[in-house]
Amino acid sequence: LKLQTGMIFTIEPMINAGKRFIKQLGDGWTVVTKDHSLSAQFEHTVLVTPTGYEVLTLSEGSPQSPSLIMA
């Protein structure tokens, strides 16, 4: 699939306290860890623009990306 202007997609990382293995439940939507460990998920919605991209879920008051936060 080649990204084209006007396409919108989401990036949805999942961070698990246990192992990385997951399973999708019968509803076709819910995802859980196979070892039943706690997990956290967040997402960004991204629009492909003629010059690159725009993160639609960011706003002026949004926290910085985790990769930019200094410990």
N, C-alpha and C. Protein backbone atom coordinates (compact mmCIF):
# COMPACT_ATOMS: atom_id res chain seq x y z
N LEU A 1 0.85 -1.17 0.00
CA LEU A 1 0.00 0.00 0.00
C LEU A 1 0.89 1.23 0.00
N LYS A 2 0.69 2.10 -0.94
CA LYS A 2 1.44 3.35 -1.01
C LYS A 2 0.58 4.46 -0.42
N LEU A 3 1.14 5.20 0.54
CA LEU A 3 0.40 6.31 1.14
C LEU A 3 0.21 7.41 0.11
N GLN A 4 -1.01 7.95 0.07
CA GLN A 4 -1.34 9.01 -0.87
C GLN A 4 -2.00 10.16 -0.13
N THR A 5 -1.86 11.36 -0.68
CA THR A 5 -2.48 12.55 -0.11
C THR A 5 -3.96 12.30 0.16
N GLY A 6 -4.39 12.69 1.36
CA GLY A 6 -5.79 12.54 1.74
C GLY A 6 -6.08 11.30 2.56
N MET A 7 -5.16 10.34 2.55
CA MET A 7 -5.37 9.14 3.37
C MET A 7 -5.21 9.49 4.85
N ILE A 8 -5.97 8.81 5.68
CA ILE A 8 -5.88 8.98 7.13
C ILE A 8 -5.68 7.60 7.74
N PHE A 9 -4.75 7.51 8.70
CA PHE A 9 -4.51 6.24 9.38
C PHE A 9 -4.16 6.51 10.84
N THR A 10 -4.17 5.46 11.64
CA THR A 10 -3.81 5.61 13.05
C THR A 10 -2.56 4.79 13.35
N ILE A 11 -1.80 5.28 14.31
CA ILE A 11 -0.67 4.56 14.88
C ILE A 11 -1.06 4.24 16.31
N GLU A 12 -1.09 2.95 16.66
CA GLU A 12 -1.63 2.53 17.95
C GLU A 12 -0.67 1.59 18.68
N PRO A 13 0.39 2.12 19.30
CA PRO A 13 1.29 1.24 20.04
C PRO A 13 0.64 0.71 21.32
N MET A 14 1.06 -0.48 21.72
CA MET A 14 0.57 -1.12 22.94
C MET A 14 1.78 -1.48 23.78
N ILE A 15 1.80 -1.04 25.03
CA ILE A 15 2.91 -1.32 25.94
C ILE A 15 2.40 -2.31 26.97
N ASN A 16 3.08 -3.46 27.08
CA ASN A 16 2.64 -4.52 27.98
C ASN A 16 3.59 -4.66 29.17
N ALA A 17 3.02 -4.90 30.35
CA ALA A 17 3.83 -5.15 31.54
C ALA A 17 4.47 -6.53 31.48
N GLY A 18 3.86 -7.45 30.75
CA GLY A 18 4.37 -8.82 30.64
C GLY A 18 5.00 -9.05 29.28
N LYS A 19 4.70 -10.18 28.71
CA LYS A 19 5.26 -10.54 27.41
C LYS A 19 4.53 -9.81 26.29
N ARG A 20 5.11 -9.83 25.10
CA ARG A 20 4.57 -9.06 23.97
C ARG A 20 3.42 -9.75 23.26
N PHE A 21 3.14 -10.98 23.57
CA PHE A 21 2.15 -11.75 22.81
C PHE A 21 0.72 -11.33 23.15
N ILE A 22 -0.09 -11.17 22.11
CA ILE A 22 -1.47 -10.69 22.27
C ILE A 22 -2.43 -11.62 21.53
N LYS A 23 -3.71 -11.45 21.81
CA LYS A 23 -4.73 -12.15 21.04
C LYS A 23 -5.92 -11.22 20.84
N GLN A 24 -6.59 -11.41 19.73
CA GLN A 24 -7.78 -10.63 19.42
C GLN A 24 -9.00 -11.45 19.83
N LEU A 25 -9.92 -10.81 20.56
CA LEU A 25 -11.11 -11.50 21.02
C LEU A 25 -12.13 -11.66 19.90
N GLY A 26 -13.16 -12.44 20.16
CA GLY A 26 -14.16 -12.79 19.16
C GLY A 26 -14.95 -11.63 18.60
N ASP A 27 -14.94 -10.48 19.30
CA ASP A 27 -15.68 -9.32 18.79
C ASP A 27 -14.96 -8.66 17.61
N GLY A 28 -13.72 -9.14 17.32
CA GLY A 28 -12.97 -8.60 16.19
C GLY A 28 -12.35 -7.23 16.46
N TRP A 29 -12.44 -6.76 17.69
CA TRP A 29 -11.99 -5.41 18.03
C TRP A 29 -11.05 -5.40 19.22
N THR A 30 -11.43 -6.14 20.27
CA THR A 30 -10.69 -6.12 21.53
C THR A 30 -9.42 -6.96 21.43
N VAL A 31 -8.30 -6.39 21.92
CA VAL A 31 -7.03 -7.09 21.96
C VAL A 31 -6.58 -7.16 23.41
N VAL A 32 -6.14 -8.35 23.84
CA VAL A 32 -5.66 -8.55 25.21
C VAL A 32 -4.31 -9.25 25.15
N THR A 33 -3.55 -9.15 26.25
CA THR A 33 -2.29 -9.87 26.33
C THR A 33 -2.58 -11.34 26.62
N LYS A 34 -1.81 -12.23 26.01
CA LYS A 34 -2.02 -13.66 26.22
C LYS A 34 -1.72 -14.07 27.66
N ASP A 35 -0.77 -13.37 28.31
CA ASP A 35 -0.44 -13.72 29.69
C ASP A 35 -1.28 -12.94 30.71
N HIS A 36 -2.26 -12.20 30.22
CA HIS A 36 -3.19 -11.41 31.05
C HIS A 36 -2.50 -10.32 31.87
N SER A 37 -1.33 -9.87 31.41
CA SER A 37 -0.63 -8.78 32.09
C SER A 37 -1.30 -7.45 31.74
N LEU A 38 -1.04 -6.45 32.57
CA LEU A 38 -1.57 -5.12 32.31
C LEU A 38 -0.94 -4.54 31.05
N SER A 39 -1.69 -3.69 30.37
CA SER A 39 -1.16 -3.05 29.17
C SER A 39 -1.76 -1.65 29.05
N ALA A 40 -1.11 -0.83 28.25
CA ALA A 40 -1.60 0.52 27.97
C ALA A 40 -1.50 0.74 26.47
N GLN A 41 -2.42 1.51 25.94
CA GLN A 41 -2.46 1.77 24.51
C GLN A 41 -2.82 3.23 24.30
N PHE A 42 -2.21 3.85 23.31
CA PHE A 42 -2.61 5.19 22.90
C PHE A 42 -2.54 5.25 21.39
N GLU A 43 -3.08 6.28 20.83
CA GLU A 43 -3.05 6.36 19.37
C GLU A 43 -2.97 7.80 18.90
N HIS A 44 -2.49 7.94 17.69
CA HIS A 44 -2.53 9.21 16.98
C HIS A 44 -3.18 8.96 15.62
N THR A 45 -3.97 9.91 15.18
CA THR A 45 -4.57 9.86 13.85
C THR A 45 -3.75 10.78 12.95
N VAL A 46 -3.32 10.26 11.82
CA VAL A 46 -2.39 10.97 10.94
C VAL A 46 -3.01 11.14 9.56
N LEU A 47 -2.94 12.36 9.04
CA LEU A 47 -3.40 12.69 7.69
C LEU A 47 -2.19 12.83 6.78
N VAL A 48 -2.22 12.18 5.62
CA VAL A 48 -1.16 12.33 4.63
C VAL A 48 -1.47 13.59 3.83
N THR A 49 -0.52 14.53 3.80
CA THR A 49 -0.70 15.81 3.11
C THR A 49 0.20 15.84 1.87
N PRO A 50 0.01 16.82 1.00
CA PRO A 50 0.87 16.92 -0.20
C PRO A 50 2.35 17.09 0.14
N THR A 51 2.65 17.66 1.32
CA THR A 51 4.05 17.91 1.67
C THR A 51 4.56 17.01 2.79
N GLY A 52 3.75 16.08 3.26
CA GLY A 52 4.19 15.20 4.35
C GLY A 52 3.01 14.64 5.13
N TYR A 53 2.85 15.10 6.36
CA TYR A 53 1.78 14.58 7.20
C TYR A 53 1.35 15.62 8.24
N GLU A 54 0.18 15.40 8.81
CA GLU A 54 -0.31 16.21 9.92
C GLU A 54 -0.90 15.25 10.95
N VAL A 55 -0.46 15.39 12.21
CA VAL A 55 -1.01 14.56 13.28
C VAL A 55 -2.28 15.25 13.76
N LEU A 56 -3.43 14.67 13.44
CA LEU A 56 -4.71 15.31 13.72
C LEU A 56 -5.07 15.29 15.19
N THR A 57 -4.53 14.37 15.95
CA THR A 57 -4.87 14.25 17.37
C THR A 57 -4.00 15.12 18.27
N LEU A 58 -3.06 15.85 17.71
CA LEU A 58 -2.27 16.79 18.51
C LEU A 58 -2.96 18.14 18.56
N SER A 59 -2.87 18.78 19.67
CA SER A 59 -3.37 20.14 19.79
C SER A 59 -2.31 20.98 20.49
N GLU A 60 -2.51 22.26 20.53
CA GLU A 60 -1.52 23.16 21.11
C GLU A 60 -1.20 22.79 22.56
N GLY A 61 -2.17 22.30 23.31
CA GLY A 61 -1.96 21.96 24.71
C GLY A 61 -1.56 20.51 24.95
N SER A 62 -1.33 19.75 23.88
CA SER A 62 -1.00 18.33 24.05
C SER A 62 0.37 18.16 24.70
N PRO A 63 0.51 17.08 25.49
CA PRO A 63 1.85 16.80 26.03
C PRO A 63 2.80 16.44 24.91
N GLN A 64 4.08 16.58 25.18
CA GLN A 64 5.09 16.23 24.18
C GLN A 64 5.07 14.73 23.92
N SER A 65 5.58 14.36 22.76
CA SER A 65 5.76 12.95 22.43
C SER A 65 6.67 12.31 23.48
N PRO A 66 6.41 11.06 23.88
CA PRO A 66 7.27 10.42 24.88
C PRO A 66 8.74 10.42 24.50
N SER A 67 9.06 10.37 23.22
CA SER A 67 10.46 10.37 22.80
C SER A 67 11.13 11.72 23.04
N LEU A 68 10.34 12.76 23.28
CA LEU A 68 10.90 14.10 23.49
C LEU A 68 10.94 14.50 24.96
N ILE A 69 10.35 13.71 25.82
CA ILE A 69 10.31 14.04 27.25
C ILE A 69 11.64 13.66 27.88
N MET A 70 12.24 14.60 28.59
CA MET A 70 13.52 14.35 29.25
C MET A 70 13.26 13.88 30.67
N ALA A 71 13.93 12.81 31.07
CA ALA A 71 13.76 12.28 32.43
C ALA A 71 14.54 13.12 33.42
